[in-house]
């Protein structure tokens, strides 16, 4: 499963109806309008079973972080974002085609 697939899987598990994937100079950002459980430290979301209610869904963020780290990247939850869930995969080299 790719980073993008993990981002969409989490969105489906947290009740999102809209998902946006955006590229920044050094990151891929997944933003959705779903809800993550309140009152958890952001690193707890990356514990197996920590972010979502069932076994399969609880594998999503830990697998995303492991895949990102394997590629030399990092995955974090943007705790400042209050419109849903935002996951930032940073350390990415983004190549944009010439116009």
N, C-alpha and C. Protein backbone atom coordinates (compact mmCIF):
# COMPACT_ATOMS: atom_id res chain seq x y z
N UNK A 1 0.84 -1.17 0.00
CA UNK A 1 0.00 0.00 0.00
C UNK A 1 0.89 1.24 0.00
N UNK A 2 0.54 2.25 -0.76
CA UNK A 2 1.34 3.47 -0.85
C UNK A 2 0.92 4.48 0.21
N UNK A 3 1.70 5.55 0.34
CA UNK A 3 1.36 6.61 1.29
C UNK A 3 -0.03 7.16 0.98
N UNK A 4 -0.32 7.35 -0.30
CA UNK A 4 -1.61 7.89 -0.70
C UNK A 4 -2.74 6.97 -0.29
N UNK A 5 -2.57 5.68 -0.52
CA UNK A 5 -3.62 4.72 -0.14
C UNK A 5 -3.85 4.73 1.37
N UNK A 6 -2.78 4.83 2.15
CA UNK A 6 -2.93 4.91 3.61
C UNK A 6 -3.69 6.17 4.01
N UNK A 7 -3.39 7.28 3.36
CA UNK A 7 -4.10 8.52 3.66
C UNK A 7 -5.58 8.41 3.38
N UNK A 8 -5.95 7.81 2.27
CA UNK A 8 -7.37 7.63 1.93
C UNK A 8 -8.04 6.62 2.86
N UNK A 9 -7.31 5.58 3.24
CA UNK A 9 -7.89 4.59 4.16
C UNK A 9 -8.22 5.23 5.50
N UNK A 10 -7.32 6.06 6.02
CA UNK A 10 -7.60 6.75 7.27
C UNK A 10 -8.81 7.66 7.12
N UNK A 11 -8.90 8.38 6.03
CA UNK A 11 -10.04 9.27 5.80
C UNK A 11 -11.35 8.50 5.82
N UNK A 12 -11.37 7.34 5.20
CA UNK A 12 -12.58 6.51 5.18
C UNK A 12 -12.93 6.05 6.59
N UNK A 13 -11.93 5.74 7.40
CA UNK A 13 -12.16 5.24 8.75
C UNK A 13 -12.61 6.32 9.72
N UNK A 14 -12.25 7.58 9.45
CA UNK A 14 -12.63 8.63 10.40
C UNK A 14 -13.81 9.45 9.92
N UNK A 15 -14.57 8.89 8.96
CA UNK A 15 -15.83 9.51 8.55
C UNK A 15 -15.70 10.69 7.61
N UNK A 16 -14.59 10.83 6.95
CA UNK A 16 -14.40 11.96 6.05
C UNK A 16 -15.23 11.81 4.78
N UNK A 17 -15.70 12.93 4.27
CA UNK A 17 -16.40 12.93 2.99
C UNK A 17 -15.56 13.61 1.91
N UNK A 18 -14.54 14.36 2.32
CA UNK A 18 -13.67 15.06 1.39
C UNK A 18 -12.22 14.85 1.81
N UNK A 19 -11.37 14.56 0.82
CA UNK A 19 -9.93 14.39 1.05
C UNK A 19 -9.19 15.24 0.04
N UNK A 20 -8.19 15.95 0.52
CA UNK A 20 -7.34 16.75 -0.35
C UNK A 20 -5.91 16.28 -0.18
N UNK A 21 -5.23 16.03 -1.27
CA UNK A 21 -3.81 15.69 -1.24
C UNK A 21 -3.09 16.84 -1.92
N UNK A 22 -2.14 17.44 -1.20
CA UNK A 22 -1.41 18.56 -1.77
C UNK A 22 0.09 18.35 -1.64
N UNK A 23 0.82 18.92 -2.58
CA UNK A 23 2.27 18.85 -2.57
C UNK A 23 2.83 20.20 -2.16
N UNK A 24 3.77 20.14 -1.24
CA UNK A 24 4.54 21.33 -0.88
C UNK A 24 5.96 21.07 -1.35
N UNK A 25 6.86 22.00 -1.14
CA UNK A 25 8.23 21.82 -1.61
C UNK A 25 8.91 20.59 -1.01
N UNK A 26 8.57 20.25 0.24
CA UNK A 26 9.24 19.13 0.90
C UNK A 26 8.28 18.17 1.59
N UNK A 27 7.01 18.17 1.17
CA UNK A 27 6.06 17.30 1.86
C UNK A 27 4.84 16.98 1.00
N UNK A 28 4.16 15.91 1.40
CA UNK A 28 2.86 15.54 0.87
C UNK A 28 1.89 15.69 2.03
N UNK A 29 0.78 16.37 1.82
CA UNK A 29 -0.17 16.65 2.90
C UNK A 29 -1.53 16.06 2.55
N UNK A 30 -2.05 15.23 3.46
CA UNK A 30 -3.38 14.65 3.33
C UNK A 30 -4.29 15.37 4.31
N UNK A 31 -5.32 16.02 3.81
CA UNK A 31 -6.26 16.75 4.65
C UNK A 31 -7.65 16.21 4.38
N UNK A 32 -8.40 15.93 5.47
CA UNK A 32 -9.77 15.49 5.28
C UNK A 32 -10.68 16.18 6.28
N UNK A 33 -11.97 16.01 6.10
CA UNK A 33 -12.95 16.66 6.99
C UNK A 33 -13.52 15.68 8.01
N UNK A 34 -12.81 14.59 8.26
CA UNK A 34 -13.26 13.61 9.26
C UNK A 34 -12.79 13.98 10.65
N UNK A 35 -13.02 13.09 11.59
CA UNK A 35 -12.67 13.33 12.98
C UNK A 35 -11.70 12.28 13.49
N UNK A 36 -10.65 12.73 14.13
CA UNK A 36 -9.77 11.84 14.87
C UNK A 36 -10.19 11.88 16.34
N UNK A 37 -9.95 10.83 17.10
CA UNK A 37 -10.33 10.86 18.51
C UNK A 37 -9.67 12.02 19.25
N UNK A 38 -10.43 12.68 20.09
CA UNK A 38 -9.90 13.80 20.88
C UNK A 38 -9.08 13.29 22.06
N UNK A 39 -8.26 14.17 22.60
CA UNK A 39 -7.57 13.89 23.85
C UNK A 39 -6.40 12.94 23.75
N UNK A 40 -5.86 12.71 22.56
CA UNK A 40 -4.70 11.84 22.41
C UNK A 40 -3.51 12.68 21.97
N UNK A 41 -2.33 12.28 22.45
CA UNK A 41 -1.11 12.90 21.95
C UNK A 41 -0.96 12.48 20.50
N UNK A 42 -0.41 13.36 19.66
CA UNK A 42 -0.35 13.06 18.23
C UNK A 42 0.47 11.81 17.93
N UNK A 43 1.51 11.53 18.70
CA UNK A 43 2.29 10.31 18.47
C UNK A 43 1.48 9.05 18.76
N UNK A 44 0.48 9.14 19.64
CA UNK A 44 -0.36 7.97 19.94
C UNK A 44 -1.14 7.51 18.73
N UNK A 45 -1.41 8.40 17.79
CA UNK A 45 -2.13 8.01 16.58
C UNK A 45 -1.32 7.03 15.74
N UNK A 46 0.00 7.03 15.93
CA UNK A 46 0.86 6.14 15.16
C UNK A 46 1.14 4.82 15.88
N UNK A 47 0.52 4.61 17.05
CA UNK A 47 0.60 3.32 17.73
C UNK A 47 -0.41 2.39 17.07
N UNK A 48 -0.05 1.13 16.93
CA UNK A 48 -0.99 0.18 16.33
C UNK A 48 -2.28 0.16 17.12
N UNK A 49 -3.39 0.38 16.43
CA UNK A 49 -4.71 0.42 17.05
C UNK A 49 -5.02 1.72 17.75
N UNK A 50 -4.11 2.70 17.71
CA UNK A 50 -4.28 3.92 18.48
C UNK A 50 -5.23 4.95 17.92
N UNK A 51 -5.40 5.02 16.62
CA UNK A 51 -6.14 6.14 16.04
C UNK A 51 -7.57 5.82 15.66
N UNK A 52 -7.86 4.57 15.40
CA UNK A 52 -9.16 4.25 14.83
C UNK A 52 -9.72 2.97 15.44
N UNK A 53 -11.00 2.72 15.25
CA UNK A 53 -11.72 1.74 16.06
C UNK A 53 -11.54 0.25 15.75
N UNK A 54 -11.04 -0.12 14.60
CA UNK A 54 -10.95 -1.56 14.35
C UNK A 54 -9.53 -1.96 13.93
N UNK A 55 -9.29 -3.26 13.90
CA UNK A 55 -7.94 -3.77 13.66
C UNK A 55 -7.36 -3.27 12.34
N UNK A 56 -8.09 -3.44 11.25
CA UNK A 56 -7.56 -3.06 9.94
C UNK A 56 -7.29 -1.56 9.88
N UNK A 57 -8.21 -0.77 10.37
CA UNK A 57 -8.04 0.69 10.35
C UNK A 57 -6.91 1.11 11.28
N UNK A 58 -6.75 0.42 12.39
CA UNK A 58 -5.71 0.75 13.36
C UNK A 58 -4.31 0.50 12.85
N UNK A 59 -4.18 -0.13 11.71
CA UNK A 59 -2.88 -0.38 11.09
C UNK A 59 -2.46 0.76 10.16
N UNK A 60 -3.40 1.61 9.79
CA UNK A 60 -3.17 2.60 8.74
C UNK A 60 -2.04 3.58 9.06
N UNK A 61 -2.14 4.32 10.16
CA UNK A 61 -1.12 5.31 10.47
C UNK A 61 0.22 4.70 10.84
N UNK A 62 0.26 3.62 11.63
CA UNK A 62 1.57 3.01 11.89
C UNK A 62 2.25 2.54 10.60
N UNK A 63 1.48 1.94 9.70
CA UNK A 63 2.07 1.50 8.43
C UNK A 63 2.54 2.68 7.60
N UNK A 64 1.79 3.76 7.61
CA UNK A 64 2.19 4.96 6.89
C UNK A 64 3.51 5.49 7.45
N UNK A 65 3.64 5.56 8.76
CA UNK A 65 4.88 6.07 9.36
C UNK A 65 6.06 5.16 9.04
N UNK A 66 5.85 3.85 9.12
CA UNK A 66 6.94 2.91 8.81
C UNK A 66 7.38 3.06 7.36
N UNK A 67 6.42 3.13 6.44
CA UNK A 67 6.75 3.30 5.03
C UNK A 67 7.49 4.62 4.81
N UNK A 68 7.01 5.68 5.42
CA UNK A 68 7.67 6.98 5.27
C UNK A 68 9.11 6.92 5.80
N UNK A 69 9.31 6.33 6.97
CA UNK A 69 10.66 6.25 7.55
C UNK A 69 11.59 5.39 6.70
N UNK A 70 11.04 4.36 6.09
CA UNK A 70 11.83 3.51 5.20
C UNK A 70 12.40 4.32 4.04
N UNK A 71 11.66 5.31 3.61
CA UNK A 71 12.08 6.17 2.50
C UNK A 71 12.86 7.40 2.96
N UNK A 72 13.11 7.49 4.28
CA UNK A 72 13.85 8.64 4.81
C UNK A 72 12.97 9.84 5.09
N UNK A 73 11.66 9.65 5.14
CA UNK A 73 10.71 10.71 5.38
C UNK A 73 10.17 10.60 6.81
N UNK A 74 9.26 11.48 7.18
CA UNK A 74 8.59 11.41 8.47
C UNK A 74 7.10 11.69 8.26
N UNK A 75 6.28 11.11 9.09
CA UNK A 75 4.83 11.34 9.03
C UNK A 75 4.36 11.83 10.39
N UNK A 76 3.60 12.93 10.38
CA UNK A 76 3.09 13.50 11.62
C UNK A 76 1.65 13.93 11.43
N UNK A 77 0.95 14.09 12.56
CA UNK A 77 -0.39 14.66 12.57
C UNK A 77 -0.24 16.16 12.82
N UNK A 78 -0.90 16.97 12.03
CA UNK A 78 -0.89 18.42 12.24
C UNK A 78 -1.91 18.74 13.33
N UNK A 79 -1.44 18.90 14.55
CA UNK A 79 -2.33 19.12 15.69
C UNK A 79 -2.93 20.52 15.71
N UNK A 80 -2.42 21.43 14.90
CA UNK A 80 -2.96 22.79 14.83
C UNK A 80 -4.18 22.86 13.91
N UNK A 81 -4.35 21.87 13.06
CA UNK A 81 -5.45 21.88 12.10
C UNK A 81 -6.74 21.46 12.80
N UNK A 82 -7.80 22.27 12.67
CA UNK A 82 -9.04 21.95 13.39
C UNK A 82 -10.23 21.68 12.48
N UNK A 83 -10.00 21.53 11.17
CA UNK A 83 -11.09 21.28 10.25
C UNK A 83 -11.27 19.81 9.90
N UNK A 84 -10.62 18.93 10.63
CA UNK A 84 -10.65 17.49 10.36
C UNK A 84 -9.31 16.90 10.73
N UNK A 85 -8.80 16.05 9.87
CA UNK A 85 -7.50 15.43 10.11
C UNK A 85 -6.52 15.88 9.03
N UNK A 86 -5.29 16.16 9.45
CA UNK A 86 -4.25 16.52 8.49
C UNK A 86 -2.99 15.74 8.84
N UNK A 87 -2.53 14.96 7.87
CA UNK A 87 -1.29 14.18 8.02
C UNK A 87 -0.27 14.78 7.08
N UNK A 88 0.93 15.04 7.61
CA UNK A 88 2.00 15.62 6.82
C UNK A 88 3.12 14.60 6.70
N UNK A 89 3.46 14.24 5.47
CA UNK A 89 4.60 13.37 5.21
C UNK A 89 5.70 14.31 4.71
N UNK A 90 6.73 14.50 5.55
CA UNK A 90 7.77 15.49 5.25
C UNK A 90 9.10 14.83 4.92
N UNK A 91 10.00 15.65 4.38
CA UNK A 91 11.30 15.16 3.96
C UNK A 91 11.28 14.62 2.55
N UNK A 92 10.19 14.87 1.85
CA UNK A 92 9.97 14.36 0.50
C UNK A 92 10.61 15.33 -0.49
N UNK A 93 11.21 14.81 -1.54
CA UNK A 93 11.68 15.64 -2.63
C UNK A 93 10.59 15.68 -3.68
N UNK A 94 10.02 16.84 -3.88
CA UNK A 94 8.92 17.01 -4.83
C UNK A 94 9.50 17.58 -6.13
N UNK A 95 9.28 16.86 -7.21
CA UNK A 95 9.70 17.32 -8.53
C UNK A 95 8.48 17.76 -9.31
N UNK A 96 8.50 18.97 -9.75
CA UNK A 96 7.38 19.50 -10.52
C UNK A 96 7.81 19.61 -12.00
N UNK A 97 6.93 19.21 -12.90
CA UNK A 97 7.28 19.31 -14.32
C UNK A 97 7.43 20.77 -14.74
N UNK A 98 8.30 21.00 -15.69
CA UNK A 98 8.46 22.36 -16.23
C UNK A 98 7.27 22.71 -17.07
N UNK A 99 6.88 23.97 -17.01
CA UNK A 99 5.70 24.42 -17.78
C UNK A 99 6.04 24.73 -19.19
